[in-house]
Amino acid sequence: MENEIDGLITRMVSEDQEERWIVIVAEIVKRFGPSAISNILQAIKRDPLTEPDAYGIVSTRHSPKWNSLALTYLQNGFLQEAINLFKELIVREPSNPATQNNYGVALLREGILSKAQELFTKAYETDKRRDPAQAEKFPAYRNLMLFKEGRPRPEKTKTVASPSYHNILFMDIVGFSRPGWYGTIQVEKITYLTDTVRTLLGEFELDFMKLPMFPTGDGMALFFENPEHPIKLAIELTKRLDKYNETMEGDMKLELRIGIHAGDSFPVKDLHEGGNRCGPAINTARRVMDLGEARQILCTHEYGDKLKRLFGPTYGSLLHDCGKYTVKHDEEIEVYNVYNTSFGNSKCPSK
C-alpha cells in the first residue's frame, strides 16, 4: 500500500509544481529522516529516461527531484544516503552536469577529493559545450576553481565561535528503523514524541522555540543550562510514555532510550543557516544513549556526580552505578543507570 506521506504530497502538489514538491519533501526529511519517504524515492527511481538532447545528454524524467532529494539528505546529515543515491543516478545519467556537480559536492563532504574534482571537471566541460558564455556562472566552474586555487573550501571563512557548556540529553525511539514500521507509523511516533516533549518543556516553563536542539530523524538532542532539566525531562517523559503505552498494542507502543552527559559544544550553522551544535560532549551523550535498551535512562558519571553534589538524594538515590563501558574509538565511559520502582529499566547495559 502506498505510503500515506506520498499520498499527502500528491494531493498537495501537482506534477508541474516541482519547487513546492522539493520544499515539502525536504521538510519531511529534515524532521523524520530518509525512511519517511522511502516510497517516494522508489517511485522516482522508476522514472524513465528522456531522449538525448542536442548535446547527447540523457536524463531521468524527474532528474531535478532526484538531485534535490539527494542534496536534502546531504544537508540534513545523511551523507551516506546522499552518496548512495547519487551513485545510482550517475549510472543512469552519467553525462548530466547537474548530477555530476552535485555528486562531486557529496564526495567532497566525504573527503574523496580526486573523484570530486573529476566530476566537477566533466560538468564544467559539458556546461561549456552547452553555453560557452554562461559556463563560468554555473556551480561546477566555481567548485573546480576552488581546487585549482588550492582551496577546496569556500574562500570566505568565519571565525569559530567559542564553545559553551550544556547539560545534553540525547534520545531516540527504539526500533524506529525496523522493516515493519512503514512511514506513517514512524511519522505518528516522532510526532507524538515531539508534542510530548514540547508539553513537558512548557510545564517546566521553558520556551521550546528558544531551547538549543536538533532533530535526528528518530529522536532529538536537547541542550540545557540548568543541570536539573535533563534528568527531570527524562524521568517525566518516560513516565508519560509508560502511560501512553498502556493504551497501545504491538508496534504502536513508543519506547525510548535516553543518554545524558554534560560538557562543551560549539555553535555552528547548517546549510539552511539555521542553528546547530557540534563537539565531543554531544558524541559522548549519543554513545551513552546507544548503550541503552527500551525505557532506559543512562548518564555519565560526570553528569550524575554533579547531580549528587547539587541535589543530594533527590536524584542521587536514583543513580545506580553500572561501571565502565568501552564505546566507539575505544573511549571508556562510566555510566549510571537512572531508575526506581516507578520508571526506568533496572538492567545495566550488556553491550
Foldseek 3Di string as FASTA:
>chain_A
DAQVVVVVLCVVDPPVPVVVSLVVVLVCCQFANDQLCVRVVVVQLPFDKDQQDPVRWIAGPPRVSLLSNLVSCVLNVNLVVSLVSLVSRCVVTVQALVSLQSNLVSVVVVVVNVSSLVSLVSSLVVLCVVPVVCSCVDPSNVCNVCVVVVHNDDPDDDDFDDKDKWKKKWKFWPPLPPPVCHNVLSVVQSVVLVVVLCVVCVVVVHHPVPWAKGHDNGTIMTTHPDLVVNVVSLFVSQLVLVVVCVPDDDPNRTWMFMFIEIDIWTWDAGPVRDIHIDDDRVVVRVFQSVLDDTQWYKYFCRSLVVCCVPPNCVQVVQWAWPQWDQTPPRDITTMTTGDDPSGHDPDGGPD
